[in-house]
């Protein structure tokens, strides 16, 4: 229907036209009302008191000489770059950065993501009873507290444990021989359930007609997975990798309870090293500085996760 004009009035665009400008105020623009500030006040106070203020105080402590015991426990002072210089020459800190990268990439990116994707793909084609049972087992592992997970894996990796029996070395202490491998496996075991849920949801959103068209073209299962499934799962894989990496960085309890950073310093990841310096050696300032570096790394992963989540949302 053509637009009708009335004398003295501008012509109104046809609302049915695809190129017509929207009539009325736009509702997709960001708007801010000053009247909402009083409502945001309580949340802002909690954010400052419980989050920003502790972080700011921790940043300050990293540049002081605060100790848990001794004369500087009550009367500490600002020491400038002294702790930074100590950090740059600390060989254990350099090793800790490397071990943290191995732990996050090995357990989070490789083991957790790979195993969760394999389980999700297998459950998609498995009978309902099998997929339901596997899903329950994996989710129980995710819901178990870290203390319980640590106890289970310590028992399994020491002489007479389940893992030593599986590999045929009943008298071996695998936790002492391969400590990083076992703590990485325990961390991956605890996070697989979450990653599997994300992959299962993404697999259900893949259009069936695309898969059926590939089957009509005589594409095999591996070809369909490589050429169809993986490209469509790319956004989910990226966000899952970032999420499990972030959670692995924060998974202090499993490593600390299983090995305490040992044997020696073989599993001394950054959170464990920060705790050791602060509460074993009573050097709260140096421990706070190491913790601040961990916070910076975690913030980078968090920003990447939020960015990719918004892009893929």
Protein backbone atom coordinates (compact mmCIF):
# COMPACT_ATOMS: atom_id res chain seq x y z
CA UNK A 1 0.00 0.00 0.00
CA UNK A 2 1.45 3.37 -0.94
CA UNK A 3 2.01 6.14 1.58
CA UNK A 4 -0.75 8.68 1.90
CA UNK A 5 0.05 12.32 2.46
CA UNK A 6 -2.11 14.83 4.23
CA UNK A 7 -1.92 18.49 3.38
CA UNK A 8 0.52 20.25 5.69
CA UNK A 9 1.91 16.99 7.12
CA UNK A 10 5.07 15.11 6.07
CA UNK A 11 4.71 11.75 4.44
CA UNK A 12 4.95 8.81 6.85
CA UNK A 13 7.18 5.92 5.84
CA UNK A 14 5.58 2.60 5.09
CA UNK A 15 6.18 0.36 8.17
CA UNK A 16 6.11 -2.70 5.94
CA UNK A 17 9.07 -1.53 3.88
CA UNK A 18 12.30 -3.31 4.87
CA UNK A 19 14.32 -0.12 4.44
CA UNK A 20 11.96 2.07 6.43
CA UNK A 21 13.38 4.00 9.39
CA UNK A 22 11.96 2.92 12.77
CA UNK A 23 9.23 5.14 14.11
CA UNK A 24 9.35 6.25 17.75
CA UNK A 25 12.16 6.02 20.35
CA UNK A 26 14.78 3.29 20.00
CA UNK A 27 14.82 0.75 22.82
CA UNK A 28 18.20 -0.81 22.01
CA UNK A 29 20.25 2.20 23.02
CA UNK A 30 22.01 2.27 26.34
CA UNK A 31 20.30 4.64 28.72
CA UNK A 32 21.27 5.80 32.18
CA UNK A 33 19.04 7.53 34.66
CA UNK A 34 20.46 9.44 37.62
CA UNK A 35 17.43 8.30 39.59
CA UNK A 36 18.93 4.79 39.67
CA UNK A 37 22.02 5.91 41.61
CA UNK A 38 20.39 5.54 45.07
CA UNK A 39 19.37 2.00 44.14
CA UNK A 40 22.93 1.15 43.07
CA UNK A 41 24.38 2.63 46.26
CA UNK A 42 24.20 -0.47 48.52
CA UNK A 43 25.70 -2.71 45.84
CA UNK A 44 28.46 -0.15 45.20
CA UNK A 45 29.30 -0.02 48.91
CA UNK A 46 29.54 -3.83 49.10
CA UNK A 47 31.71 -3.88 45.95
CA UNK A 48 34.09 -1.32 47.41
CA UNK A 49 34.27 -2.81 50.90
CA UNK A 50 34.45 -6.50 49.99
CA UNK A 51 36.32 -6.38 46.66
CA UNK A 52 38.08 -3.16 45.68
CA UNK A 53 39.37 -2.21 49.14
CA UNK A 54 40.98 -5.64 49.86
CA UNK A 55 42.62 -5.63 46.42
CA UNK A 56 43.96 -2.12 46.94
CA UNK A 57 45.27 -3.07 50.40
CA UNK A 58 46.89 -6.20 49.00
CA UNK A 59 48.60 -4.14 46.29
CA UNK A 60 49.93 -1.83 48.99
CA UNK A 61 51.17 -4.72 51.15
CA UNK A 62 53.24 -6.02 48.23
CA UNK A 63 55.44 -2.92 48.56
CA UNK A 64 55.97 -3.12 52.32
CA UNK A 65 58.03 -5.22 54.74
CA UNK A 66 55.06 -6.67 56.64
CA UNK A 67 55.80 -9.96 58.42
CA UNK A 68 53.49 -12.31 60.27
CA UNK A 69 55.84 -12.28 63.27
CA UNK A 70 58.64 -10.01 64.46
CA UNK A 71 59.02 -6.25 64.82
CA UNK A 72 57.48 -5.44 61.42
CA UNK A 73 54.31 -7.37 62.22
CA UNK A 74 52.84 -4.26 63.86
CA UNK A 75 55.07 -1.48 62.58
CA UNK A 76 55.66 -2.22 58.92
CA UNK A 77 56.76 0.40 56.41
CA UNK A 78 56.71 1.08 52.69
CA UNK A 79 59.84 -0.35 51.04
CA UNK A 80 59.25 0.62 47.42
CA UNK A 81 60.70 -1.75 44.81
CA UNK A 82 62.60 -3.96 47.25
CA UNK A 83 60.18 -6.88 46.92
CA UNK A 84 60.12 -6.47 43.13
CA UNK A 85 63.90 -6.79 42.96
CA UNK A 86 63.70 -9.87 45.16
CA UNK A 87 61.01 -11.33 42.92
CA UNK A 88 63.06 -10.85 39.75
CA UNK A 89 65.97 -12.81 41.23
CA UNK A 90 63.81 -15.52 42.82
CA UNK A 91 64.43 -18.79 41.00
CA UNK A 92 61.52 -20.53 42.71
CA UNK A 93 59.19 -17.78 41.45
CA UNK A 94 60.41 -18.26 37.89
CA UNK A 95 59.86 -22.00 38.23
CA UNK A 96 56.44 -21.33 39.74
CA UNK A 97 55.37 -19.34 36.67
CA UNK A 98 56.42 -22.23 34.43
CA UNK A 99 54.65 -24.81 36.62
CA UNK A 100 51.49 -22.67 36.69
CA UNK A 101 51.49 -22.54 32.88
CA UNK A 102 52.00 -26.31 32.68
CA UNK A 103 49.23 -26.90 35.22
CA UNK A 104 46.72 -24.57 33.54
CA UNK A 105 47.46 -25.66 29.97
CA UNK A 106 47.93 -29.34 30.76
CA UNK A 107 44.97 -29.89 33.08
CA UNK A 108 42.66 -27.12 31.90
CA UNK A 109 43.19 -26.76 28.17
CA UNK A 110 44.34 -30.24 27.16
CA UNK A 111 42.93 -32.76 29.65
CA UNK A 112 39.68 -31.08 30.70
CA UNK A 113 38.64 -29.68 27.32
CA UNK A 114 39.71 -32.73 25.34
CA UNK A 115 38.15 -35.29 27.65
CA UNK A 116 34.94 -33.29 28.13
CA UNK A 117 34.50 -32.89 24.36
CA UNK A 118 35.10 -36.61 23.81
CA UNK A 119 32.57 -37.54 26.50
CA UNK A 120 29.98 -35.08 25.14
CA UNK A 121 30.34 -36.43 21.58
CA UNK A 122 30.15 -40.05 22.79
CA UNK A 123 27.08 -39.34 24.91
CA UNK A 124 25.32 -37.72 21.95
CA UNK A 125 25.17 -41.04 20.09
CA UNK A 126 25.02 -43.39 23.07
CA UNK A 127 21.79 -44.98 24.36
CA UNK A 128 19.86 -42.92 26.86
CA UNK A 129 20.70 -45.22 29.77
CA UNK A 130 24.44 -45.12 29.03
CA UNK A 131 24.58 -41.36 28.47
CA UNK A 132 22.56 -40.72 31.62
CA UNK A 133 24.83 -42.91 33.75
CA UNK A 134 28.01 -41.34 32.38
CA UNK A 135 26.56 -37.85 32.84
CA UNK A 136 25.73 -38.57 36.48
CA UNK A 137 29.22 -39.92 37.18
CA UNK A 138 30.93 -36.93 35.57
CA UNK A 139 28.69 -34.41 37.36
CA UNK A 140 29.27 -36.11 40.72
CA UNK A 141 33.01 -35.65 40.17
CA UNK A 142 32.39 -31.96 39.51
CA UNK A 143 30.25 -31.52 42.63
CA UNK A 144 32.64 -33.27 45.04
CA UNK A 145 34.46 -30.77 47.33
CA UNK A 146 38.18 -30.20 46.58
CA UNK A 147 39.17 -31.70 49.95
CA UNK A 148 37.48 -34.98 49.06
CA UNK A 149 39.01 -34.96 45.58
CA UNK A 150 42.48 -34.48 47.05
CA UNK A 151 42.02 -37.33 49.53
CA UNK A 152 40.74 -39.67 46.80
CA UNK A 153 43.62 -38.95 44.43
CA UNK A 154 46.25 -39.18 47.16
CA UNK A 155 44.87 -42.57 48.15
CA UNK A 156 44.77 -43.67 44.51
CA UNK A 157 48.32 -42.54 43.71
CA UNK A 158 50.14 -43.95 46.74
CA UNK A 159 51.24 -47.60 47.17
CA UNK A 160 48.26 -49.94 47.07
CA UNK A 161 45.99 -47.31 45.49
CA UNK A 162 43.68 -47.73 42.54
CA UNK A 163 45.96 -46.00 40.03
CA UNK A 164 49.01 -48.00 41.07
CA UNK A 165 47.02 -51.19 40.65
CA UNK A 166 45.79 -50.13 37.19
CA UNK A 167 49.33 -49.51 35.93
CA UNK A 168 50.66 -52.67 37.56
CA UNK A 169 52.96 -50.91 40.04
CA UNK A 170 51.26 -51.62 43.35
CA UNK A 171 54.32 -50.77 45.45
CA UNK A 172 55.11 -47.49 43.66
CA UNK A 173 54.35 -44.02 45.02
CA UNK A 174 53.15 -42.39 41.81
CA UNK A 175 52.23 -39.19 43.62
CA UNK A 176 55.89 -38.76 44.53
CA UNK A 177 57.18 -39.91 41.14
CA UNK A 178 54.77 -38.00 38.89
CA UNK A 179 53.32 -35.26 41.14
CA UNK A 180 52.42 -32.71 38.45
CA UNK A 181 50.75 -35.36 36.32
CA UNK A 182 48.54 -36.52 39.19
CA UNK A 183 47.54 -33.05 40.40
CA UNK A 184 46.74 -32.07 36.80
CA UNK A 185 44.64 -35.20 36.37
CA UNK A 186 42.81 -34.50 39.63
CA UNK A 187 42.08 -30.94 38.56
CA UNK A 188 40.84 -32.10 35.14
CA UNK A 189 38.67 -34.74 36.81
CA UNK A 190 37.03 -32.06 38.94
CA UNK A 191 36.30 -29.69 36.00
CA UNK A 192 35.25 -32.14 33.28
CA UNK A 193 31.59 -32.08 34.32
CA UNK A 194 31.24 -28.34 33.77
CA UNK A 195 32.98 -28.43 30.39
CA UNK A 196 30.94 -31.45 29.34
CA UNK A 197 27.67 -29.60 30.05
CA UNK A 198 28.73 -26.74 27.81
CA UNK A 199 29.76 -29.03 24.97
CA UNK A 200 26.58 -31.12 25.27
CA UNK A 201 24.43 -28.00 24.99
CA UNK A 202 26.41 -26.77 21.98
CA UNK A 203 26.18 -30.15 20.24
CA UNK A 204 22.39 -30.13 20.60
CA UNK A 205 22.28 -26.76 18.83
CA UNK A 206 24.02 -28.05 15.69
CA UNK A 207 21.38 -28.24 12.93
CA UNK A 208 20.56 -31.82 12.00
CA UNK A 209 20.04 -30.95 8.33
CA UNK A 210 23.71 -30.03 7.96
CA UNK A 211 24.79 -33.39 9.38
CA UNK A 212 22.27 -35.26 7.21
CA UNK A 213 23.47 -33.42 4.10
CA UNK A 214 27.03 -34.48 4.88
CA UNK A 215 25.89 -38.08 5.33
CA UNK A 216 24.20 -37.96 1.92
CA UNK A 217 27.54 -36.85 0.49
CA UNK A 218 29.09 -40.02 1.97
CA UNK A 219 31.12 -38.08 4.55
CA UNK A 220 32.45 -40.34 7.27
CA UNK A 221 32.13 -39.75 11.01
CA UNK A 222 35.63 -38.30 11.28
CA UNK A 223 35.07 -36.01 8.28
CA UNK A 224 31.78 -34.77 9.73
CA UNK A 225 33.41 -34.11 13.08
CA UNK A 226 36.40 -32.24 11.60
CA UNK A 227 34.57 -30.29 8.89
CA UNK A 228 31.21 -29.63 10.58
CA UNK A 229 31.20 -30.23 14.33
CA UNK A 230 34.51 -28.60 15.27
CA UNK A 231 33.97 -25.38 13.26
CA UNK A 232 30.49 -24.96 14.75
CA UNK A 233 31.84 -25.66 18.24
CA UNK A 234 34.68 -23.12 17.95
CA UNK A 235 32.95 -20.38 20.03
CA UNK A 236 32.10 -22.92 22.76
CA UNK A 237 35.62 -24.35 22.73
CA UNK A 238 37.15 -20.88 23.15
CA UNK A 239 34.89 -19.89 26.04
CA UNK A 240 35.29 -23.29 27.71
CA UNK A 241 39.08 -23.14 27.48
CA UNK A 242 39.10 -19.68 29.05
CA UNK A 243 36.67 -20.73 31.78
CA UNK A 244 38.50 -23.90 32.83
CA UNK A 245 41.82 -22.05 32.67
CA UNK A 246 40.42 -19.42 35.01
CA UNK A 247 39.10 -22.08 37.38
CA UNK A 248 42.39 -23.99 37.26
CA UNK A 249 44.26 -20.84 38.31
CA UNK A 250 41.96 -20.55 41.30
CA UNK A 251 42.10 -24.27 42.18
CA UNK A 252 44.53 -23.87 45.05
CA UNK A 253 43.03 -26.45 47.39
CA UNK A 254 43.61 -29.59 45.30
CA UNK A 255 47.31 -28.93 44.68
CA UNK A 256 48.00 -27.75 48.22
CA UNK A 257 46.23 -30.68 49.87
CA UNK A 258 47.73 -33.29 47.55
CA UNK A 259 51.38 -32.20 47.53
CA UNK A 260 51.78 -28.88 49.38
CA UNK A 261 53.83 -27.71 46.40
CA UNK A 262 56.24 -30.65 46.61
CA UNK A 263 58.05 -32.89 46.43
CA UNK A 264 60.51 -30.04 46.76
CA UNK A 265 59.07 -27.38 44.45
CA UNK A 266 57.85 -29.68 41.69
CA UNK A 267 54.19 -28.58 42.00
CA UNK A 268 54.75 -25.07 43.40
CA UNK A 269 52.20 -23.16 41.33
CA UNK A 270 51.73 -19.44 42.02
CA UNK A 271 48.79 -19.68 44.48
CA UNK A 272 50.63 -22.31 46.53
CA UNK A 273 53.87 -20.32 46.49
CA UNK A 274 52.02 -17.19 47.62
CA UNK A 275 50.45 -19.10 50.52
CA UNK A 276 53.76 -20.69 51.47
CA UNK A 277 55.59 -17.38 51.59
CA UNK A 278 52.85 -15.68 53.55
CA UNK A 279 51.98 -18.31 56.14
CA UNK A 280 54.88 -20.80 56.23
CA UNK A 281 57.73 -18.29 56.08
CA UNK A 282 55.66 -15.48 57.66
CA UNK A 283 56.51 -13.04 54.85
CA UNK A 284 53.08 -11.54 54.25
CA UNK A 285 54.35 -8.72 52.04
CA UNK A 286 56.20 -11.02 49.62
CA UNK A 287 53.29 -13.48 49.61
CA UNK A 288 50.91 -10.62 48.83
CA UNK A 289 53.10 -9.54 45.90
CA UNK A 290 53.04 -13.05 44.42
CA UNK A 291 49.29 -13.18 45.00
CA UNK A 292 48.90 -9.86 43.20
CA UNK A 293 50.64 -11.29 40.15
CA UNK A 294 48.23 -14.23 40.26
CA UNK A 295 45.32 -11.76 40.41
CA UNK A 296 46.68 -9.93 37.35
CA UNK A 297 46.90 -13.18 35.38
CA UNK A 298 43.41 -14.16 36.51
CA UNK A 299 42.07 -10.74 35.50
CA UNK A 300 43.49 -11.18 32.00
CA UNK A 301 41.77 -14.56 31.64
CA UNK A 302 38.54 -13.08 33.06
CA UNK A 303 38.60 -10.19 30.58
CA UNK A 304 39.18 -12.59 27.69
CA UNK A 305 36.35 -14.82 28.90
CA UNK A 306 33.91 -11.89 29.16
CA UNK A 307 34.94 -10.59 25.73
CA UNK A 308 34.46 -13.93 23.98
CA UNK A 309 31.23 -14.59 25.89
CA UNK A 310 29.75 -11.30 24.67
CA UNK A 311 30.95 -11.89 21.13
CA UNK A 312 29.44 -15.38 21.03
CA UNK A 313 26.33 -14.52 23.04
